[in-house]
PDB file of N, CA and C in Angstrom:
ATOM      1  N   MET A   1       0.816  -1.158   0.038  1.00  0.00           N
ATOM      2  CA  MET A   1       0.073   0.037   0.007  1.00  0.00           C
ATOM      3  C   MET A   1       0.923   1.321  -0.004  1.00  0.00           C
ATOM      4  N   ASP A   2       0.612   2.166  -0.808  1.00  0.00           N
ATOM      5  CA  ASP A   2       1.377   3.456  -0.840  1.00  0.00           C
ATOM      6  C   ASP A   2       1.224   4.323   0.396  1.00  0.00           C
ATOM      7  N   GLU A   3       2.062   5.266   0.630  1.00  0.00           N
ATOM      8  CA  GLU A   3       1.950   6.068   1.768  1.00  0.00           C
ATOM      9  C   GLU A   3       0.611   6.743   2.046  1.00  0.00           C
ATOM     10  N   GLU A   4       0.128   7.400   1.008  1.00  0.00           N
ATOM     11  CA  GLU A   4      -1.137   8.160   1.114  1.00  0.00           C
ATOM     12  C   GLU A   4      -2.241   7.236   1.486  1.00  0.00           C
ATOM     13  N   ARG A   5      -2.279   6.030   1.016  1.00  0.00           N
ATOM     14  CA  ARG A   5      -3.398   5.117   1.399  1.00  0.00           C
ATOM     15  C   ARG A   5      -3.172   4.613   2.811  1.00  0.00           C
ATOM     16  N   LEU A   6      -2.067   4.410   3.214  1.00  0.00           N
ATOM     17  CA  LEU A   6      -1.614   3.943   4.599  1.00  0.00           C
ATOM     18  C   LEU A   6      -2.125   5.082   5.495  1.00  0.00           C
ATOM     19  N   LYS A   7      -1.903   6.370   5.143  1.00  0.00           N
ATOM     20  CA  LYS A   7      -2.303   7.412   6.059  1.00  0.00           C
ATOM     21  C   LYS A   7      -3.796   7.508   6.084  1.00  0.00           C
ATOM     22  N   GLN A   8      -4.405   7.327   4.855  1.00  0.00           N
ATOM     23  CA  GLN A   8      -5.991   7.311   4.969  1.00  0.00           C
ATOM     24  C   GLN A   8      -6.557   6.212   5.763  1.00  0.00           C
ATOM     25  N   PHE A   9      -5.911   5.018   5.615  1.00  0.00           N
ATOM     26  CA  PHE A   9      -6.317   3.889   6.489  1.00  0.00           C
ATOM     27  C   PHE A   9      -6.167   4.323   7.947  1.00  0.00           C
ATOM     28  N   GLY A  10      -5.080   4.661   8.274  1.00  0.00           N
ATOM     29  CA  GLY A  10      -4.719   5.016   9.723  1.00  0.00           C
ATOM     30  C   GLY A  10      -5.633   6.072  10.275  1.00  0.00           C
ATOM     31  N   GLU A  11      -5.970   7.051   9.527  1.00  0.00           N
ATOM     32  CA  GLU A  11      -6.878   8.082   9.914  1.00  0.00           C
ATOM     33  C   GLU A  11      -8.276   7.464  10.126  1.00  0.00           C
ATOM     34  N   GLU A  12      -8.692   6.594   9.345  1.00  0.00           N
ATOM     35  CA  GLU A  12     -10.037   5.828   9.547  1.00  0.00           C
ATOM     36  C   GLU A  12      -9.994   5.011  10.843  1.00  0.00           C
ATOM     37  N   VAL A  13      -8.956   4.337  11.030  1.00  0.00           N
ATOM     38  CA  VAL A  13      -8.790   3.508  12.283  1.00  0.00           C
ATOM     39  C   VAL A  13      -8.767   4.456  13.513  1.00  0.00           C
ATOM     40  N   LYS A  14      -8.293   5.528  13.419  1.00  0.00           N
ATOM     41  CA  LYS A  14      -8.180   6.460  14.579  1.00  0.00           C
ATOM     42  C   LYS A  14      -9.512   7.037  14.847  1.00  0.00           C
ATOM     43  N   ARG A  15     -10.241   7.425  13.754  1.00  0.00           N
ATOM     44  CA  ARG A  15     -11.640   8.001  13.760  1.00  0.00           C
ATOM     45  C   ARG A  15     -12.586   6.976  14.425  1.00  0.00           C
ATOM     46  N   LEU A  16     -12.512   5.854  13.973  1.00  0.00           N
ATOM     47  CA  LEU A  16     -13.403   4.730  14.434  1.00  0.00           C
ATOM     48  C   LEU A  16     -12.984   4.438  15.860  1.00  0.00           C
ATOM     49  N   ARG A  17     -11.840   4.327  16.251  1.00  0.00           N
ATOM     50  CA  ARG A  17     -11.380   4.026  17.627  1.00  0.00           C
ATOM     51  C   ARG A  17     -11.885   5.089  18.600  1.00  0.00           C
ATOM     52  N   GLU A  18     -11.722   6.304  18.191  1.00  0.00           N
ATOM     53  CA  GLU A  18     -12.237   7.397  19.033  1.00  0.00           C
ATOM     54  C   GLU A  18     -13.762   7.456  19.225  1.00  0.00           C
ATOM     55  N   ALA A  19     -14.428   7.122  18.079  1.00  0.00           N
ATOM     56  CA  ALA A  19     -15.862   6.987  18.120  1.00  0.00           C
ATOM     57  C   ALA A  19     -16.355   5.933  19.037  1.00  0.00           C
ATOM     58  N   CYS A  20     -15.497   4.808  19.147  1.00  0.00           N
ATOM     59  CA  CYS A  20     -15.902   3.738  20.065  1.00  0.00           C
ATOM     60  C   CYS A  20     -15.413   4.065  21.530  1.00  0.00           C
ATOM     61  N   GLY A  21     -14.711   5.240  21.646  1.00  0.00           N
ATOM     62  CA  GLY A  21     -14.347   5.667  23.109  1.00  0.00           C
ATOM     63  C   GLY A  21     -13.192   4.686  23.544  1.00  0.00           C
ATOM     64  N   MET A  22     -12.351   4.143  22.650  1.00  0.00           N
ATOM     65  CA  MET A  22     -11.324   3.392  23.135  1.00  0.00           C
ATOM     66  C   MET A  22      -9.963   3.895  23.026  1.00  0.00           C
ATOM     67  N   SER A  23      -9.031   3.562  23.939  1.00  0.00           N
ATOM     68  CA  SER A  23      -7.716   3.971  23.850  1.00  0.00           C
ATOM     69  C   SER A  23      -6.974   3.057  22.846  1.00  0.00           C
ATOM     70  N   GLN A  24      -5.769   3.432  22.553  1.00  0.00           N
ATOM     71  CA  GLN A  24      -4.886   2.720  21.598  1.00  0.00           C
ATOM     72  C   GLN A  24      -4.615   1.391  22.278  1.00  0.00           C
ATOM     73  N   GLU A  25      -4.360   1.395  23.497  1.00  0.00           N
ATOM     74  CA  GLU A  25      -4.119   0.205  24.340  1.00  0.00           C
ATOM     75  C   GLU A  25      -5.246  -0.770  24.360  1.00  0.00           C
ATOM     76  N   GLU A  26      -6.354  -0.258  24.544  1.00  0.00           N
ATOM     77  CA  GLU A  26      -7.660  -1.142  24.537  1.00  0.00           C
ATOM     78  C   GLU A  26      -7.797  -1.777  23.228  1.00  0.00           C
ATOM     79  N   LEU A  27      -7.745  -0.951  22.093  1.00  0.00           N
ATOM     80  CA  LEU A  27      -7.865  -1.560  20.735  1.00  0.00           C
ATOM     81  C   LEU A  27      -6.809  -2.599  20.464  1.00  0.00           C
ATOM     82  N   ALA A  28      -5.637  -2.382  20.923  1.00  0.00           N
ATOM     83  CA  ALA A  28      -4.548  -3.357  20.648  1.00  0.00           C
ATOM     84  C   ALA A  28      -4.898  -4.664  21.394  1.00  0.00           C
ATOM     85  N   LYS A  29      -5.426  -4.524  22.585  1.00  0.00           N
ATOM     86  CA  LYS A  29      -5.711  -5.846  23.302  1.00  0.00           C
ATOM     87  C   LYS A  29      -6.918  -6.550  22.647  1.00  0.00           C
ATOM     88  N   ARG A  30      -7.890  -5.721  22.224  1.00  0.00           N
ATOM     89  CA  ARG A  30      -9.089  -6.387  21.624  1.00  0.00           C
ATOM     90  C   ARG A  30      -8.834  -6.890  20.201  1.00  0.00           C
ATOM     91  N   SER A  31      -7.968  -6.375  19.521  1.00  0.00           N
ATOM     92  CA  SER A  31      -7.704  -6.857  18.102  1.00  0.00           C
ATOM     93  C   SER A  31      -6.428  -7.684  17.974  1.00  0.00           C
ATOM     94  N   GLY A  32      -5.688  -8.000  19.023  1.00  0.00           N
ATOM     95  CA  GLY A  32      -4.557  -8.926  19.020  1.00  0.00           C
ATOM     96  C   GLY A  32      -3.237  -8.275  18.610  1.00  0.00           C
ATOM     97  N   PHE A  33      -3.095  -7.008  18.648  1.00  0.00           N
ATOM     98  CA  PHE A  33      -1.820  -6.367  18.384  1.00  0.00           C
ATOM     99  C   PHE A  33      -1.002  -6.304  19.611  1.00  0.00           C
ATOM    100  N   ALA A  34       0.320  -6.157  19.308  1.00  0.00           N
ATOM    101  CA  ALA A  34       1.279  -6.297  20.472  1.00  0.00           C
ATOM    102  C   ALA A  34       1.081  -5.206  21.546  1.00  0.00           C
ATOM    103  N   GLY A  35       0.673  -4.004  21.129  1.00  0.00           N
ATOM    104  CA  GLY A  35       0.400  -3.003  22.230  1.00  0.00           C
ATOM    105  C   GLY A  35       0.025  -1.683  21.569  1.00  0.00           C
ATOM    106  N   ARG A  36       0.021  -0.558  22.300  1.00  0.00           N
ATOM    107  CA  ARG A  36      -0.385   0.807  21.895  1.00  0.00           C
ATOM    108  C   ARG A  36       0.492   1.232  20.808  1.00  0.00           C
ATOM    109  N   GLN A  37       1.775   0.903  20.776  1.00  0.00           N
ATOM    110  CA  GLN A  37       2.731   1.385  19.786  1.00  0.00           C
ATOM    111  C   GLN A  37       2.315   0.876  18.366  1.00  0.00           C
ATOM    112  N   ALA A  38       1.859  -0.316  18.386  1.00  0.00           N
ATOM    113  CA  ALA A  38       1.372  -0.970  17.033  1.00  0.00           C
ATOM    114  C   ALA A  38       0.201  -0.112  16.490  1.00  0.00           C
ATOM    115  N   ILE A  39      -0.786   0.117  17.393  1.00  0.00           N
ATOM    116  CA  ILE A  39      -1.983   0.900  16.918  1.00  0.00           C
ATOM    117  C   ILE A  39      -1.590   2.413  16.423  1.00  0.00           C
ATOM    118  N   SER A  40      -0.574   3.032  17.274  1.00  0.00           N
ATOM    119  CA  SER A  40      -0.161   4.271  16.979  1.00  0.00           C
ATOM    120  C   SER A  40       0.505   4.313  15.584  1.00  0.00           C
ATOM    121  N   ALA A  41       1.269   3.441  15.278  1.00  0.00           N
ATOM    122  CA  ALA A  41       1.991   3.315  13.958  1.00  0.00           C
ATOM    123  C   ALA A  41       0.978   3.202  12.790  1.00  0.00           C
ATOM    124  N   ILE A  42      -0.087   2.339  13.107  1.00  0.00           N
ATOM    125  CA  ILE A  42      -1.131   2.213  12.075  1.00  0.00           C
ATOM    126  C   ILE A  42      -1.875   3.496  11.910  1.00  0.00           C
ATOM    127  N   GLU A  43      -2.260   4.124  12.940  1.00  0.00           N
ATOM    128  CA  GLU A  43      -2.929   5.387  12.823  1.00  0.00           C
ATOM    129  C   GLU A  43      -2.175   6.466  12.125  1.00  0.00           C
ATOM    130  N   LYS A  44      -0.952   6.374  12.366  1.00  0.00           N
ATOM    131  CA  LYS A  44      -0.003   7.472  11.658  1.00  0.00           C
ATOM    132  C   LYS A  44       0.414   7.108  10.237  1.00  0.00           C
ATOM    133  N   GLY A  45      -0.131   5.947   9.772  1.00  0.00           N
ATOM    134  CA  GLY A  45       0.314   5.493   8.357  1.00  0.00           C
ATOM    135  C   GLY A  45       1.621   5.044   8.315  1.00  0.00           C
ATOM    136  N   LYS A  46       2.222   4.516   9.358  1.00  0.00           N
ATOM    137  CA  LYS A  46       3.660   4.029   9.374  1.00  0.00           C
ATOM    138  C   LYS A  46       3.644   2.509   9.280  1.00  0.00           C
ATOM    139  N   ASN A  47       2.648   1.921   9.530  1.00  0.00           N
ATOM    140  CA  ASN A  47       2.604   0.401   9.603  1.00  0.00           C
ATOM    141  C   ASN A  47       1.300  -0.172   8.787  1.00  0.00           C
ATOM    142  N   ASN A  48       1.718  -1.111   7.852  1.00  0.00           N
ATOM    143  CA  ASN A  48       0.798  -1.757   7.105  1.00  0.00           C
ATOM    144  C   ASN A  48       0.490  -3.052   7.896  1.00  0.00           C
ATOM    145  N   ILE A  49      -0.845  -3.332   7.988  1.00  0.00           N
ATOM    146  CA  ILE A  49      -1.213  -4.552   8.756  1.00  0.00           C
ATOM    147  C   ILE A  49      -1.445  -5.640   7.763  1.00  0.00           C
ATOM    148  N   SER A  50      -1.330  -7.014   8.263  1.00  0.00           N
ATOM    149  CA  SER A  50      -1.383  -8.055   7.356  1.00  0.00           C
ATOM    150  C   SER A  50      -2.979  -8.324   7.313  1.00  0.00           C
ATOM    151  N   ILE A  51      -3.293  -9.015   6.221  1.00  0.00           N
ATOM    152  CA  ILE A  51      -4.753  -9.304   5.897  1.00  0.00           C
ATOM    153  C   ILE A  51      -5.262 -10.173   7.060  1.00  0.00           C
ATOM    154  N   ASP A  52      -4.608 -10.944   7.584  1.00  0.00           N
ATOM    155  CA  ASP A  52      -5.176 -11.889   8.752  1.00  0.00           C
ATOM    156  C   ASP A  52      -5.523 -11.091  10.082  1.00  0.00           C
ATOM    157  N   LYS A  53      -4.892  -9.815  10.179  1.00  0.00           N
ATOM    158  CA  LYS A  53      -5.309  -9.022  11.233  1.00  0.00           C
ATOM    159  C   LYS A  53      -6.488  -8.129  11.054  1.00  0.00           C
ATOM    160  N   LEU A  54      -6.868  -7.966   9.792  1.00  0.00           N
ATOM    161  CA  LEU A  54      -7.925  -7.072   9.386  1.00  0.00           C
ATOM    162  C   LEU A  54      -9.315  -7.409  10.008  1.00  0.00           C
ATOM    163  N   PRO A  55      -9.801  -8.541   9.938  1.00  0.00           N
ATOM    164  CA  PRO A  55     -11.080  -8.990  10.573  1.00  0.00           C
ATOM    165  C   PRO A  55     -11.141  -8.611  12.058  1.00  0.00           C
ATOM    166  N   ASP A  56     -10.135  -8.980  12.807  1.00  0.00           N
ATOM    167  CA  ASP A  56     -10.171  -8.647  14.287  1.00  0.00           C
ATOM    168  C   ASP A  56     -10.134  -7.137  14.458  1.00  0.00           C
ATOM    169  N   LEU A  57      -9.316  -6.460  13.753  1.00  0.00           N
ATOM    170  CA  LEU A  57      -9.234  -4.980  13.976  1.00  0.00           C
ATOM    171  C   LEU A  57     -10.657  -4.379  13.606  1.00  0.00           C
ATOM    172  N   ALA A  58     -11.308  -4.925  12.562  1.00  0.00           N
ATOM    173  CA  ALA A  58     -12.584  -4.246  12.075  1.00  0.00           C
ATOM    174  C   ALA A  58     -13.556  -4.541  13.119  1.00  0.00           C
ATOM    175  N   ILE A  59     -13.739  -5.782  13.600  1.00  0.00           N
ATOM    176  CA  ILE A  59     -14.670  -6.268  14.691  1.00  0.00           C
ATOM    177  C   ILE A  59     -14.409  -5.381  15.953  1.00  0.00           C
ATOM    178  N   SER A  60     -13.206  -5.089  16.314  1.00  0.00           N
ATOM    179  CA  SER A  60     -13.030  -4.370  17.502  1.00  0.00           C
ATOM    180  C   SER A  60     -13.381  -2.928  17.310  1.00  0.00           C
ATOM    181  N   LEU A  61     -13.477  -2.412  16.075  1.00  0.00           N
ATOM    182  CA  LEU A  61     -13.873  -1.069  15.813  1.00  0.00           C
ATOM    183  C   LEU A  61     -15.300  -1.018  15.463  1.00  0.00           C
ATOM    184  N   ARG A  62     -16.023  -2.078  15.563  1.00  0.00           N
ATOM    185  CA  ARG A  62     -17.570  -2.176  15.322  1.00  0.00           C
ATOM    186  C   ARG A  62     -17.829  -1.970  13.864  1.00  0.00           C
ATOM    187  N   THR A  63     -17.105  -2.500  12.992  1.00  0.00           N
ATOM    188  CA  THR A  63     -17.329  -2.310  11.555  1.00  0.00           C
ATOM    189  C   THR A  63     -16.995  -3.603  10.934  1.00  0.00           C
ATOM    190  N   THR A  64     -17.022  -3.581   9.613  1.00  0.00           N
ATOM    191  CA  THR A  64     -16.667  -4.862   8.856  1.00  0.00           C
ATOM    192  C   THR A  64     -15.280  -4.631   8.142  1.00  0.00           C
ATOM    193  N   PRO A  65     -14.560  -5.537   7.898  1.00  0.00           N
ATOM    194  CA  PRO A  65     -13.343  -5.457   6.961  1.00  0.00           C
ATOM    195  C   PRO A  65     -13.603  -4.535   5.787  1.00  0.00           C
ATOM    196  N   GLY A  66     -14.669  -4.867   5.125  1.00  0.00           N
ATOM    197  CA  GLY A  66     -15.005  -4.099   3.851  1.00  0.00           C
ATOM    198  C   GLY A  66     -15.132  -2.682   4.045  1.00  0.00           C
ATOM    199  N   ASN A  67     -15.906  -2.362   5.044  1.00  0.00           N
ATOM    200  CA  ASN A  67     -16.072  -0.823   5.440  1.00  0.00           C
ATOM    201  C   ASN A  67     -14.755  -0.224   5.851  1.00  0.00           C
ATOM    202  N   LEU A  68     -13.995  -0.973   6.493  1.00  0.00           N
ATOM    203  CA  LEU A  68     -12.661  -0.421   7.025  1.00  0.00           C
ATOM    204  C   LEU A  68     -11.777  -0.164   5.787  1.00  0.00           C
ATOM    205  N   LEU A  69     -11.837  -1.032   4.861  1.00  0.00           N
ATOM    206  CA  LEU A  69     -11.104  -0.855   3.516  1.00  0.00           C
ATOM    207  C   LEU A  69     -11.613   0.190   2.532  1.00  0.00           C
ATOM    208  N   ASP A  70     -12.972   0.416   2.688  1.00  0.00           N
ATOM    209  CA  ASP A  70     -13.597   1.294   1.693  1.00  0.00           C
ATOM    210  C   ASP A  70     -12.895   2.703   1.654  1.00  0.00           C
ATOM    211  N   VAL A  71     -12.310   3.122   2.756  1.00  0.00           N
ATOM    212  CA  VAL A  71     -11.613   4.441   2.883  1.00  0.00           C
ATOM    213  C   VAL A  71     -10.550   4.552   1.864  1.00  0.00           C
ATOM    214  N   LEU A  72     -10.016   3.369   1.360  1.00  0.00           N
ATOM    215  CA  LEU A  72      -8.957   3.463   0.520  1.00  0.00           C
ATOM    216  C   LEU A  72      -9.361   3.740  -0.913  1.00  0.00           C
ATOM    217  N   PHE A  73     -10.667   3.615  -1.117  1.00  0.00           N
ATOM    218  CA  PHE A  73     -11.174   3.695  -2.537  1.00  0.00           C
ATOM    219  C   PHE A  73     -12.218   4.871  -2.668  1.00  0.00           C
ATOM    220  N   GLU A  74     -12.297   5.765  -1.650  1.00  0.00           N
ATOM    221  CA  GLU A  74     -13.211   6.782  -1.626  1.00  0.00           C
ATOM    222  C   GLU A  74     -12.492   8.107  -1.688  1.00  0.00           C
ATOM    223  N   VAL A  75     -13.200   9.156  -2.252  1.00  0.00           N
ATOM    224  CA  VAL A  75     -12.672  10.392  -2.169  1.00  0.00           C
ATOM    225  C   VAL A  75     -13.482  11.015  -0.945  1.00  0.00           C
ATOM    226  N   ARG A  76     -12.765  11.089   0.163  1.00  0.00           N
ATOM    227  CA  ARG A  76     -13.487  11.505   1.436  1.00  0.00           C
ATOM    228  C   ARG A  76     -13.486  13.000   1.770  1.00  0.00           C
ATOM    229  N   GLU A  77     -12.632  13.729   1.261  1.00  0.00           N
ATOM    230  CA  GLU A  77     -12.548  15.130   1.718  1.00  0.00           C
ATOM    231  C   GLU A  77     -13.508  15.997   0.777  1.00  0.00           C
ATOM    232  N   THR A  78     -14.673  15.732   0.799  1.00  0.00           N
ATOM    233  CA  THR A  78     -15.604  16.715   0.102  1.00  0.00           C
ATOM    234  C   THR A  78     -16.547  17.273   1.073  1.00  0.00           C
ATOM    235  N   PRO A  79     -17.206  18.406   0.966  1.00  0.00           N
ATOM    236  CA  PRO A  79     -18.025  19.031   1.991  1.00  0.00           C
ATOM    237  C   PRO A  79     -19.190  18.086   2.310  1.00  0.00           C
ATOM    238  N   ILE A  80     -19.713  17.266   1.449  1.00  0.00           N
ATOM    239  CA  ILE A  80     -21.037  16.458   1.737  1.00  0.00           C
ATOM    240  C   ILE A  80     -20.554  15.164   2.433  1.00  0.00           C
ATOM    241  N   THR A  81     -19.340  14.727   2.214  1.00  0.00           N
ATOM    242  CA  THR A  81     -18.979  13.461   2.945  1.00  0.00           C
ATOM    243  C   THR A  81     -18.031  13.656   4.083  1.00  0.00           C
ATOM    244  N   TYR A  82     -17.605  14.785   4.443  1.00  0.00           N
ATOM    245  CA  TYR A  82     -16.614  14.945   5.459  1.00  0.00           C
ATOM    246  C   TYR A  82     -17.190  14.489   6.786  1.00  0.00           C
ATOM    247  N   GLY A  83     -16.438  13.715   7.477  1.00  0.00           N
ATOM    248  CA  GLY A  83     -16.910  13.086   8.764  1.00  0.00           C
ATOM    249  C   GLY A  83     -17.698  11.840   8.654  1.00  0.00           C
ATOM    250  N   LEU A  84     -18.141  11.446   7.515  1.00  0.00           N
ATOM    251  CA  LEU A  84     -18.934  10.216   7.345  1.00  0.00           C
ATOM    252  C   LEU A  84     -18.114   9.018   7.236  1.00  0.00           C
ATOM    253  N   ASN A  85     -18.565   7.909   7.822  1.00  0.00           N
ATOM    254  CA  ASN A  85     -17.699   6.623   7.683  1.00  0.00           C
ATOM    255  C   ASN A  85     -18.213   6.120   6.303  1.00  0.00           C
ATOM    256  N   ALA A  86     -17.391   5.097   5.958  1.00  0.00           N
ATOM    257  CA  ALA A  86     -17.552   4.396   4.559  1.00  0.00           C
ATOM    258  C   ALA A  86     -18.946   3.914   4.407  1.00  0.00           C
ATOM    259  N   GLU A  87     -19.602   3.382   5.434  1.00  0.00           N
ATOM    260  CA  GLU A  87     -20.984   2.843   5.261  1.00  0.00           C
ATOM    261  C   GLU A  87     -21.904   3.966   4.984  1.00  0.00           C
ATOM    262  N   ASN A  88     -21.783   5.077   5.677  1.00  0.00           N
ATOM    263  CA  ASN A  88     -22.778   6.112   5.452  1.00  0.00           C
ATOM    264  C   ASN A  88     -22.494   6.821   3.977  1.00  0.00           C
ATOM    265  N   ILE A  89     -21.232   6.792   3.611  1.00  0.00           N
ATOM    266  CA  ILE A  89     -20.823   7.352   2.288  1.00  0.00           C
ATOM    267  C   ILE A  89     -21.506   6.449   1.168  1.00  0.00           C
ATOM    268  N   ALA A  90     -21.421   5.155   1.342  1.00  0.00           N
ATOM    269  CA  ALA A  90     -22.149   4.240   0.501  1.00  0.00           C
ATOM    270  C   ALA A  90     -23.512   4.544   0.408  1.00  0.00           C
ATOM    271  N   LYS A  91     -24.288   4.774   1.541  1.00  0.00           N
ATOM    272  CA  LYS A  91     -25.724   5.074   1.582  1.00  0.00           C
ATOM    273  C   LYS A  91     -25.932   6.302   0.794  1.00  0.00           C
ATOM    274  N   LEU A  92     -25.101   7.349   0.986  1.00  0.00           N
ATOM    275  CA  LEU A  92     -25.327   8.590   0.334  1.00  0.00           C
ATOM    276  C   LEU A  92     -25.143   8.444  -1.140  1.00  0.00           C
ATOM    277  N   LYS A  93     -24.210   7.613  -1.535  1.00  0.00           N
ATOM    278  CA  LYS A  93     -24.077   7.377  -3.054  1.00  0.00           C
ATOM    279  C   LYS A  93     -25.187   6.641  -3.594  1.00  0.00           C
ATOM    280  N   SER A  94     -25.776   5.702  -2.824  1.00  0.00           N
ATOM    281  CA  SER A  94     -27.047   4.996  -3.255  1.00  0.00           C
ATOM    282  C   SER A  94     -28.209   6.010  -3.484  1.00  0.00           C
ATOM    283  N   TYR A  95     -28.435   6.983  -2.511  1.00  0.00           N
ATOM    284  CA  TYR A  95     -29.391   7.916  -2.501  1.00  0.00           C
ATOM    285  C   TYR A  95     -29.206   8.802  -3.721  1.00  0.00           C
ATOM    286  N   ALA A  96     -27.947   9.262  -3.984  1.00  0.00           N
ATOM    287  CA  ALA A  96     -27.598  10.102  -5.079  1.00  0.00           C
ATOM    288  C   ALA A  96     -27.959   9.415  -6.414  1.00  0.00           C
ATOM    289  N   ASP A  97     -27.681   8.132  -6.490  1.00  0.00           N
ATOM    290  CA  ASP A  97     -28.120   7.407  -7.661  1.00  0.00           C
ATOM    291  C   ASP A  97     -29.514   7.379  -7.936  1.00  0.00           C
ATOM    292  N   TYR A  98     -30.219   7.128  -6.803  1.00  0.00           N
ATOM    293  CA  TYR A  98     -31.717   7.131  -6.750  1.00  0.00           C
ATOM    294  C   TYR A  98     -32.178   8.443  -7.345  1.00  0.00           C
ATOM    295  N   LEU A  99     -31.652   9.702  -6.819  1.00  0.00           N
ATOM    296  CA  LEU A  99     -32.111  10.894  -7.257  1.00  0.00           C
ATOM    297  C   LEU A  99     -31.851  11.163  -8.737  1.00  0.00           C
ATOM    298  N   ARG A 100     -30.692  10.654  -9.109  1.00  0.00           N
ATOM    299  CA  ARG A 100     -30.318  10.796 -10.580  1.00  0.00           C
ATOM    300  C   ARG A 100     -31.288  10.063 -11.511  1.00  0.00           C
ATOM    301  N   SER A 101     -31.566   8.843 -11.068  1.00  0.00           N
ATOM    302  CA  SER A 101     -32.498   8.016 -11.975  1.00  0.00           C
ATOM    303  C   SER A 101     -33.924   8.659 -11.983  1.00  0.00           C
ATOM    304  N   ASN A 102     -34.350   9.312 -10.893  1.00  0.00           N
ATOM    305  CA  ASN A 102     -35.651   9.942 -10.861  1.00  0.00           C
ATOM    306  C   ASN A 102     -35.628  11.207 -11.726  1.00  0.00           C
ATOM    307  N   GLN A 103     -34.515  11.876 -11.571  1.00  0.00           N
ATOM    308  CA  GLN A 103     -34.312  13.171 -12.467  1.00  0.00           C
ATOM    309  C   GLN A 103     -34.226  12.815 -13.902  1.00  0.00           C
ATOM    310  N   GLU A 104     -33.549  11.718 -14.309  1.00  0.00           N
ATOM    311  CA  GLU A 104     -33.451  11.373 -15.619  1.00  0.00           C
ATOM    312  C   GLU A 104     -34.901  10.993 -16.278  1.00  0.00           C
ATOM    313  N   SER A 105     -35.708  10.277 -15.411  1.00  0.00           N
ATOM    314  CA  SER A 105     -37.041   9.815 -15.813  1.00  0.00           C
ATOM    315  C   SER A 105     -37.962  11.136 -15.848  1.00  0.00           C
ATOM    316  N   ASP A 106     -37.747  12.078 -14.948  1.00  0.00           N
ATOM    317  CA  ASP A 106     -38.579  13.264 -15.074  1.00  0.00           C
ATOM    318  C   ASP A 106     -38.219  14.106 -16.220  1.00  0.00           C
ATOM    319  N   ASN A 107     -36.881  14.137 -16.647  1.00  0.00           N
ATOM    320  CA  ASN A 107     -36.428  14.939 -17.871  1.00  0.00           C
ATOM    321  C   ASN A 107     -36.740  14.175 -19.082  1.00  0.00           C
ATOM    322  N   GLY A 108     -36.990  12.923 -19.101  1.00  0.00           N
ATOM    323  CA  GLY A 108     -37.158  12.123 -20.339  1.00  0.00           C
ATOM    324  C   GLY A 108     -38.411  12.006 -20.853  1.00  0.00           C
TER     325      GLY A 108
END
């Protein structure tokens, strides 16, 4: 994973951890990482996690591996999506598609 994606992933991990009210130490214990330093490195985009750690990390953050990885494939810094998690961004996109299809049928 390139540096920018690692940073985005780390920011999402931190955002979710804070939303859950967990410390880095608590997240490390719940998800099977060595300690706070490992979580800190992930959140700073300095450490790439292995695929086998992803499910435990996601469950500990009360999300799914897919939702946790979605941040890597989304443009997140737009006014309408700022602060939304990947699941809510997907819902927003679905709603936008719905509005577009209705608009097209209204114009057609």
